Amino acid sequence: MYYEKKYKSDDAEWVLFIHGLGGSIATWKYQMNAFSDYNILCVDLQGHGQSAFVKTKHPENAAANAIHEILTEENINSVHIVALSLGTIIAMEFAYLYPDNVKSMTLAGCVLNINMKRKALVLMAEIVKYI
C-alpha cells in the first residue's frame, strides 16, 4: 500500500486520512493546511492512486492490516482517523481489529451496514478498476 507522511514533530499527534472509492491521497490536498499542527499519514487504498490492485476475498480486512503494517513500520502507536465513504469501512475494520491504535475517528459519508447490495456494488467497482 502506497502512503505519504508529513512529519511535524515528536510531540504532534498523528492523523490518518483514508479516501473513498475512486479517490487517492490527492483527495485530501485541501485539508492538509488545516491539519498542519499534526503529523499526517495518507494512504492510497489498494487499486487506487499509486497502490497496486491486489485481488483479495476481504479487501476491507486486507486494507486494515496493510495500514497496521505501515503504522508498525513507521513506529506510530496511535492515530486520529479521518475517512470518507469507502474509507469509513476500512476505518471501522481497522478500529475493530486494532482498537488500541485508534484515538478517534471522523467518518464522512459513512457506510455502516454492508448488505448484499452494497457488497455487490463494491465488487463491481473492484472489477471496473481491474479492467
N, C-alpha and C. Protein backbone atom coordinates (compact mmCIF):
# COMPACT_ATOMS: atom_id res chain seq x y z
N MET A 1 0.84 -1.17 0.00
CA MET A 1 0.00 0.00 0.00
C MET A 1 0.89 1.24 0.00
N TYR A 2 0.63 2.13 -0.95
CA TYR A 2 1.38 3.38 -1.03
C TYR A 2 0.89 4.36 0.02
N TYR A 3 1.81 5.10 0.60
CA TYR A 3 1.43 6.12 1.56
C TYR A 3 2.41 7.27 1.54
N GLU A 4 1.97 8.39 2.05
CA GLU A 4 2.84 9.54 2.23
C GLU A 4 2.64 10.06 3.63
N LYS A 5 3.69 10.62 4.19
CA LYS A 5 3.57 11.19 5.53
C LYS A 5 4.18 12.57 5.54
N LYS A 6 3.63 13.41 6.40
CA LYS A 6 4.16 14.75 6.65
C LYS A 6 4.43 14.81 8.15
N TYR A 7 5.69 14.87 8.49
CA TYR A 7 6.10 14.84 9.88
C TYR A 7 6.30 16.26 10.39
N LYS A 8 5.66 16.59 11.50
CA LYS A 8 5.82 17.90 12.12
C LYS A 8 6.78 17.83 13.30
N SER A 9 6.49 16.93 14.26
CA SER A 9 7.35 16.82 15.44
C SER A 9 7.00 15.58 16.24
N ASP A 10 7.88 15.23 17.17
CA ASP A 10 7.61 14.09 18.06
C ASP A 10 6.40 14.35 18.95
N ASP A 11 6.15 15.61 19.28
CA ASP A 11 5.04 15.96 20.17
C ASP A 11 3.69 15.99 19.47
N ALA A 12 3.69 16.12 18.16
CA ALA A 12 2.44 16.23 17.41
C ALA A 12 1.77 14.85 17.29
N GLU A 13 0.44 14.84 17.39
CA GLU A 13 -0.31 13.60 17.21
C GLU A 13 -0.42 13.29 15.71
N TRP A 14 -0.72 12.02 15.43
CA TRP A 14 -0.85 11.57 14.05
C TRP A 14 -2.30 11.56 13.61
N VAL A 15 -2.53 11.99 12.37
CA VAL A 15 -3.84 11.90 11.74
C VAL A 15 -3.68 11.04 10.49
N LEU A 16 -4.52 10.03 10.38
CA LEU A 16 -4.54 9.11 9.23
C LEU A 16 -5.73 9.46 8.36
N PHE A 17 -5.48 9.74 7.08
CA PHE A 17 -6.54 10.04 6.12
C PHE A 17 -6.76 8.83 5.21
N ILE A 18 -8.03 8.41 5.09
CA ILE A 18 -8.39 7.28 4.22
C ILE A 18 -9.47 7.76 3.26
N HIS A 19 -9.17 7.76 1.98
CA HIS A 19 -10.07 8.28 0.95
C HIS A 19 -11.20 7.30 0.62
N GLY A 20 -12.11 7.76 -0.24
CA GLY A 20 -13.23 6.94 -0.68
C GLY A 20 -12.97 6.25 -2.01
N LEU A 21 -13.97 5.54 -2.49
CA LEU A 21 -13.88 4.80 -3.75
C LEU A 21 -13.52 5.75 -4.89
N GLY A 22 -12.51 5.38 -5.66
CA GLY A 22 -12.07 6.18 -6.79
C GLY A 22 -11.15 7.33 -6.41
N GLY A 23 -10.90 7.49 -5.12
CA GLY A 23 -10.05 8.59 -4.65
C GLY A 23 -8.60 8.18 -4.55
N SER A 24 -7.84 9.04 -3.91
CA SER A 24 -6.42 8.78 -3.66
C SER A 24 -5.96 9.76 -2.59
N ILE A 25 -4.67 9.78 -2.36
CA ILE A 25 -4.10 10.74 -1.42
C ILE A 25 -4.49 12.17 -1.82
N ALA A 26 -4.60 12.42 -3.11
CA ALA A 26 -4.95 13.75 -3.61
C ALA A 26 -6.31 14.23 -3.11
N THR A 27 -7.17 13.31 -2.69
CA THR A 27 -8.48 13.68 -2.15
C THR A 27 -8.34 14.68 -1.01
N TRP A 28 -7.27 14.58 -0.27
CA TRP A 28 -7.10 15.37 0.96
C TRP A 28 -6.24 16.62 0.78
N LYS A 29 -5.90 16.99 -0.45
CA LYS A 29 -4.97 18.10 -0.65
C LYS A 29 -5.44 19.41 -0.02
N TYR A 30 -6.74 19.64 0.04
CA TYR A 30 -7.25 20.89 0.61
C TYR A 30 -7.33 20.85 2.14
N GLN A 31 -7.22 19.69 2.73
CA GLN A 31 -7.27 19.58 4.19
C GLN A 31 -5.89 19.70 4.84
N MET A 32 -4.85 19.54 4.07
CA MET A 32 -3.50 19.49 4.64
C MET A 32 -3.14 20.75 5.44
N ASN A 33 -3.50 21.92 4.96
CA ASN A 33 -3.18 23.14 5.69
C ASN A 33 -3.92 23.21 7.02
N ALA A 34 -5.16 22.76 7.05
CA ALA A 34 -5.94 22.80 8.29
C ALA A 34 -5.37 21.86 9.35
N PHE A 35 -4.62 20.87 8.94
CA PHE A 35 -4.04 19.89 9.87
C PHE A 35 -2.54 20.07 10.01
N SER A 36 -2.06 21.26 9.77
CA SER A 36 -0.61 21.50 9.78
C SER A 36 0.02 21.36 11.17
N ASP A 37 -0.79 21.33 12.22
CA ASP A 37 -0.26 21.13 13.58
C ASP A 37 -0.07 19.66 13.93
N TYR A 38 -0.41 18.77 13.01
CA TYR A 38 -0.35 17.33 13.24
C TYR A 38 0.68 16.67 12.33
N ASN A 39 1.11 15.49 12.72
CA ASN A 39 1.81 14.60 11.80
C ASN A 39 0.72 13.94 10.96
N ILE A 40 0.94 13.82 9.68
CA ILE A 40 -0.11 13.33 8.78
C ILE A 40 0.36 12.09 8.04
N LEU A 41 -0.54 11.12 7.96
CA LEU A 41 -0.32 9.91 7.18
C LEU A 41 -1.50 9.74 6.24
N CYS A 42 -1.25 9.70 4.95
CA CYS A 42 -2.28 9.49 3.93
C CYS A 42 -1.97 8.19 3.19
N VAL A 43 -2.99 7.40 2.94
CA VAL A 43 -2.79 6.14 2.23
C VAL A 43 -3.58 6.12 0.92
N ASP A 44 -3.03 5.43 -0.06
CA ASP A 44 -3.77 5.08 -1.28
C ASP A 44 -4.26 3.65 -1.09
N LEU A 45 -5.56 3.47 -1.01
CA LEU A 45 -6.11 2.13 -0.87
C LEU A 45 -5.74 1.28 -2.08
N GLN A 46 -5.81 0.00 -1.91
CA GLN A 46 -5.43 -0.93 -2.98
C GLN A 46 -6.25 -0.65 -4.24
N GLY A 47 -5.54 -0.55 -5.37
CA GLY A 47 -6.18 -0.28 -6.64
C GLY A 47 -6.49 1.19 -6.86
N HIS A 48 -6.02 2.06 -5.99
CA HIS A 48 -6.24 3.49 -6.09
C HIS A 48 -4.90 4.21 -6.09
N GLY A 49 -4.87 5.37 -6.74
CA GLY A 49 -3.66 6.18 -6.73
C GLY A 49 -2.44 5.38 -7.14
N GLN A 50 -1.45 5.33 -6.26
CA GLN A 50 -0.20 4.63 -6.57
C GLN A 50 -0.12 3.24 -5.95
N SER A 51 -1.23 2.76 -5.40
CA SER A 51 -1.25 1.40 -4.84
C SER A 51 -1.74 0.41 -5.88
N ALA A 52 -1.06 -0.70 -5.97
CA ALA A 52 -1.43 -1.74 -6.92
C ALA A 52 -2.75 -2.40 -6.53
N PHE A 53 -3.44 -2.91 -7.52
CA PHE A 53 -4.65 -3.68 -7.27
C PHE A 53 -4.24 -5.08 -6.83
N VAL A 54 -4.77 -5.51 -5.71
CA VAL A 54 -4.49 -6.85 -5.21
C VAL A 54 -5.84 -7.52 -4.96
N LYS A 55 -6.08 -8.60 -5.67
CA LYS A 55 -7.35 -9.30 -5.52
C LYS A 55 -7.35 -10.06 -4.20
N THR A 56 -8.31 -9.74 -3.34
CA THR A 56 -8.44 -10.42 -2.05
C THR A 56 -9.91 -10.71 -1.80
N LYS A 57 -10.14 -11.71 -0.98
CA LYS A 57 -11.51 -12.09 -0.65
C LYS A 57 -12.18 -11.05 0.25
N HIS A 58 -11.40 -10.46 1.15
CA HIS A 58 -11.91 -9.47 2.09
C HIS A 58 -11.06 -8.21 2.01
N PRO A 59 -11.33 -7.33 1.02
CA PRO A 59 -10.47 -6.16 0.81
C PRO A 59 -10.43 -5.21 2.00
N GLU A 60 -11.53 -5.09 2.74
CA GLU A 60 -11.52 -4.18 3.89
C GLU A 60 -10.56 -4.69 4.98
N ASN A 61 -10.52 -6.00 5.16
CA ASN A 61 -9.62 -6.60 6.13
C ASN A 61 -8.16 -6.46 5.68
N ALA A 62 -7.92 -6.70 4.40
CA ALA A 62 -6.56 -6.57 3.86
C ALA A 62 -6.06 -5.14 3.98
N ALA A 63 -6.93 -4.16 3.71
CA ALA A 63 -6.54 -2.76 3.81
C ALA A 63 -6.24 -2.38 5.26
N ALA A 64 -7.07 -2.83 6.19
CA ALA A 64 -6.85 -2.54 7.60
C ALA A 64 -5.52 -3.13 8.06
N ASN A 65 -5.23 -4.34 7.64
CA ASN A 65 -3.95 -4.97 8.01
C ASN A 65 -2.76 -4.24 7.37
N ALA A 66 -2.93 -3.80 6.13
CA ALA A 66 -1.85 -3.06 5.46
C ALA A 66 -1.57 -1.73 6.18
N ILE A 67 -2.62 -1.06 6.62
CA ILE A 67 -2.44 0.18 7.37
C ILE A 67 -1.72 -0.10 8.69
N HIS A 68 -2.09 -1.18 9.34
CA HIS A 68 -1.42 -1.55 10.60
C HIS A 68 0.07 -1.82 10.36
N GLU A 69 0.38 -2.46 9.25
CA GLU A 69 1.79 -2.72 8.92
C GLU A 69 2.55 -1.41 8.71
N ILE A 70 1.90 -0.43 8.08
CA ILE A 70 2.54 0.88 7.88
C ILE A 70 2.79 1.54 9.23
N LEU A 71 1.79 1.53 10.10
CA LEU A 71 1.96 2.14 11.42
C LEU A 71 3.11 1.48 12.19
N THR A 72 3.17 0.16 12.10
CA THR A 72 4.24 -0.57 12.78
C THR A 72 5.59 -0.20 12.20
N GLU A 73 5.69 -0.18 10.87
CA GLU A 73 6.94 0.16 10.19
C GLU A 73 7.40 1.58 10.53
N GLU A 74 6.45 2.50 10.64
CA GLU A 74 6.77 3.90 10.91
C GLU A 74 6.84 4.20 12.41
N ASN A 75 6.62 3.19 13.25
CA ASN A 75 6.65 3.34 14.70
C ASN A 75 5.63 4.37 15.19
N ILE A 76 4.42 4.27 14.63
CA ILE A 76 3.31 5.15 15.02
C ILE A 76 2.37 4.31 15.89
N ASN A 77 2.19 4.73 17.13
CA ASN A 77 1.40 3.94 18.08
C ASN A 77 -0.09 4.13 17.96
N SER A 78 -0.54 5.36 17.69
CA SER A 78 -1.97 5.61 17.60
C SER A 78 -2.24 6.79 16.67
N VAL A 79 -3.44 6.81 16.11
CA VAL A 79 -3.81 7.82 15.13
C VAL A 79 -5.24 8.30 15.37
N HIS A 80 -5.49 9.52 14.92
CA HIS A 80 -6.84 10.01 14.74
C HIS A 80 -7.16 9.69 13.27
N ILE A 81 -8.29 9.07 13.01
CA ILE A 81 -8.62 8.69 11.64
C ILE A 81 -9.67 9.64 11.07
N VAL A 82 -9.42 10.10 9.85
CA VAL A 82 -10.39 10.87 9.09
C VAL A 82 -10.64 10.07 7.81
N ALA A 83 -11.89 9.66 7.60
CA ALA A 83 -12.19 8.78 6.46
C ALA A 83 -13.43 9.24 5.72
N LEU A 84 -13.46 8.91 4.45
CA LEU A 84 -14.54 9.30 3.56
C LEU A 84 -15.10 8.08 2.84
N SER A 85 -16.42 7.92 2.86
CA SER A 85 -17.13 6.91 2.08
C SER A 85 -16.54 5.51 2.27
N LEU A 86 -15.98 4.93 1.20
CA LEU A 86 -15.37 3.60 1.30
C LEU A 86 -14.32 3.56 2.41
N GLY A 87 -13.61 4.65 2.58
CA GLY A 87 -12.61 4.73 3.63
C GLY A 87 -13.18 4.51 5.02
N THR A 88 -14.49 4.83 5.21
CA THR A 88 -15.10 4.61 6.52
C THR A 88 -15.21 3.13 6.84
N ILE A 89 -15.41 2.32 5.83
CA ILE A 89 -15.47 0.86 6.04
C ILE A 89 -14.10 0.37 6.50
N ILE A 90 -13.05 0.86 5.84
CA ILE A 90 -11.70 0.47 6.21
C ILE A 90 -11.39 0.97 7.62
N ALA A 91 -11.78 2.20 7.92
CA ALA A 91 -11.53 2.78 9.25
C ALA A 91 -12.21 1.96 10.34
N MET A 92 -13.45 1.57 10.12
CA MET A 92 -14.17 0.77 11.12
C MET A 92 -13.56 -0.60 11.29
N GLU A 93 -13.13 -1.20 10.20
CA GLU A 93 -12.45 -2.50 10.27
C GLU A 93 -11.14 -2.36 11.04
N PHE A 94 -10.40 -1.31 10.74
CA PHE A 94 -9.14 -1.07 11.44
C PHE A 94 -9.39 -0.89 12.93
N ALA A 95 -10.40 -0.10 13.29
CA ALA A 95 -10.72 0.14 14.71
C ALA A 95 -11.16 -1.15 15.40
N TYR A 96 -11.85 -2.01 14.66
CA TYR A 96 -12.28 -3.29 15.22
C TYR A 96 -11.09 -4.21 15.47
N LEU A 97 -10.17 -4.25 14.52
CA LEU A 97 -9.01 -5.14 14.64
C LEU A 97 -7.93 -4.59 15.56
N TYR A 98 -7.77 -3.27 15.57
CA TYR A 98 -6.67 -2.65 16.31
C TYR A 98 -7.17 -1.46 17.15
N PRO A 99 -8.05 -1.71 18.10
CA PRO A 99 -8.65 -0.60 18.86
C PRO A 99 -7.63 0.23 19.63
N ASP A 100 -6.53 -0.37 20.05
CA ASP A 100 -5.52 0.37 20.81
C ASP A 100 -4.76 1.38 19.96
N ASN A 101 -4.87 1.26 18.64
CA ASN A 101 -4.17 2.18 17.74
C ASN A 101 -5.03 3.37 17.31
N VAL A 102 -6.27 3.44 17.80
CA VAL A 102 -7.20 4.49 17.37
C VAL A 102 -7.51 5.43 18.52
N LYS A 103 -7.21 6.71 18.32
CA LYS A 103 -7.56 7.73 19.32
C LYS A 103 -8.96 8.27 19.07
N SER A 104 -9.29 8.49 17.80
CA SER A 104 -10.61 8.99 17.43
C SER A 104 -10.86 8.71 15.96
N MET A 105 -12.12 8.81 15.56
CA MET A 105 -12.46 8.65 14.15
C MET A 105 -13.47 9.71 13.76
N THR A 106 -13.25 10.30 12.60
CA THR A 106 -14.22 11.19 11.98
C THR A 106 -14.58 10.55 10.65
N LEU A 107 -15.84 10.16 10.50
CA LEU A 107 -16.28 9.41 9.33
C LEU A 107 -17.28 10.25 8.54
N ALA A 108 -16.98 10.53 7.28
CA ALA A 108 -17.86 11.31 6.42
C ALA A 108 -18.42 10.41 5.33
N GLY A 109 -19.72 10.53 5.07
CA GLY A 109 -20.35 9.65 4.08
C GLY A 109 -20.25 8.21 4.52
N CYS A 110 -20.46 8.00 5.79
CA CYS A 110 -20.21 6.70 6.44
C CYS A 110 -21.14 5.61 5.92
N VAL A 111 -20.57 4.46 5.70
CA VAL A 111 -21.32 3.26 5.34
C VAL A 111 -21.29 2.35 6.56
N LEU A 112 -22.43 2.19 7.23
CA LEU A 112 -22.46 1.43 8.48
C LEU A 112 -22.76 -0.05 8.30
N ASN A 113 -23.57 -0.36 7.32
CA ASN A 113 -24.01 -1.74 7.18
C ASN A 113 -23.73 -2.20 5.76
N ILE A 114 -22.98 -3.25 5.63
CA ILE A 114 -22.64 -3.77 4.30
C ILE A 114 -23.58 -4.94 3.99
N ASN A 115 -24.69 -4.64 3.35
CA ASN A 115 -25.59 -5.71 2.96
C ASN A 115 -25.17 -6.25 1.58
N MET A 116 -25.90 -7.18 1.08
CA MET A 116 -25.53 -7.84 -0.18
C MET A 116 -25.51 -6.84 -1.35
N LYS A 117 -26.42 -5.88 -1.38
CA LYS A 117 -26.43 -4.91 -2.47
C LYS A 117 -25.17 -4.05 -2.44
N ARG A 118 -24.78 -3.63 -1.26
CA ARG A 118 -23.56 -2.81 -1.15
C ARG A 118 -22.33 -3.64 -1.47
N LYS A 119 -22.31 -4.89 -1.03
CA LYS A 119 -21.17 -5.75 -1.36
C LYS A 119 -21.06 -5.93 -2.86
N ALA A 120 -22.21 -6.10 -3.54
CA ALA A 120 -22.22 -6.24 -4.99
C ALA A 120 -21.70 -4.98 -5.66
N LEU A 121 -22.08 -3.81 -5.14
CA LEU A 121 -21.62 -2.55 -5.69
C LEU A 121 -20.11 -2.40 -5.54
N VAL A 122 -19.58 -2.74 -4.37
CA VAL A 122 -18.14 -2.68 -4.14
C VAL A 122 -17.42 -3.66 -5.05
N LEU A 123 -17.96 -4.87 -5.21
CA LEU A 123 -17.37 -5.86 -6.10
C LEU A 123 -17.34 -5.36 -7.53
N MET A 124 -18.45 -4.76 -7.99
CA MET A 124 -18.49 -4.23 -9.36
C MET A 124 -17.44 -3.14 -9.53
N ALA A 125 -17.29 -2.28 -8.52
CA ALA A 125 -16.29 -1.21 -8.60
C ALA A 125 -14.89 -1.81 -8.67
N GLU A 126 -14.64 -2.85 -7.90
CA GLU A 126 -13.32 -3.51 -7.94
C GLU A 126 -13.07 -4.12 -9.32
N ILE A 127 -14.09 -4.71 -9.93
CA ILE A 127 -13.95 -5.31 -11.26
C ILE A 127 -13.64 -4.22 -12.29
N VAL A 128 -14.36 -3.10 -12.21
CA VAL A 128 -14.15 -1.99 -13.15
C VAL A 128 -12.73 -1.45 -13.00
N LYS A 129 -12.25 -1.30 -11.76
CA LYS A 129 -10.88 -0.82 -11.56
C LYS A 129 -9.87 -1.78 -12.18
N TYR A 130 -10.14 -3.08 -12.04
CA TYR A 130 -9.23 -4.09 -12.57
C TYR A 130 -9.15 -4.01 -14.09
N ILE A 131 -10.30 -3.81 -14.71
CA ILE A 131 -10.36 -3.74 -16.18
C ILE A 131 -9.71 -2.46 -16.65
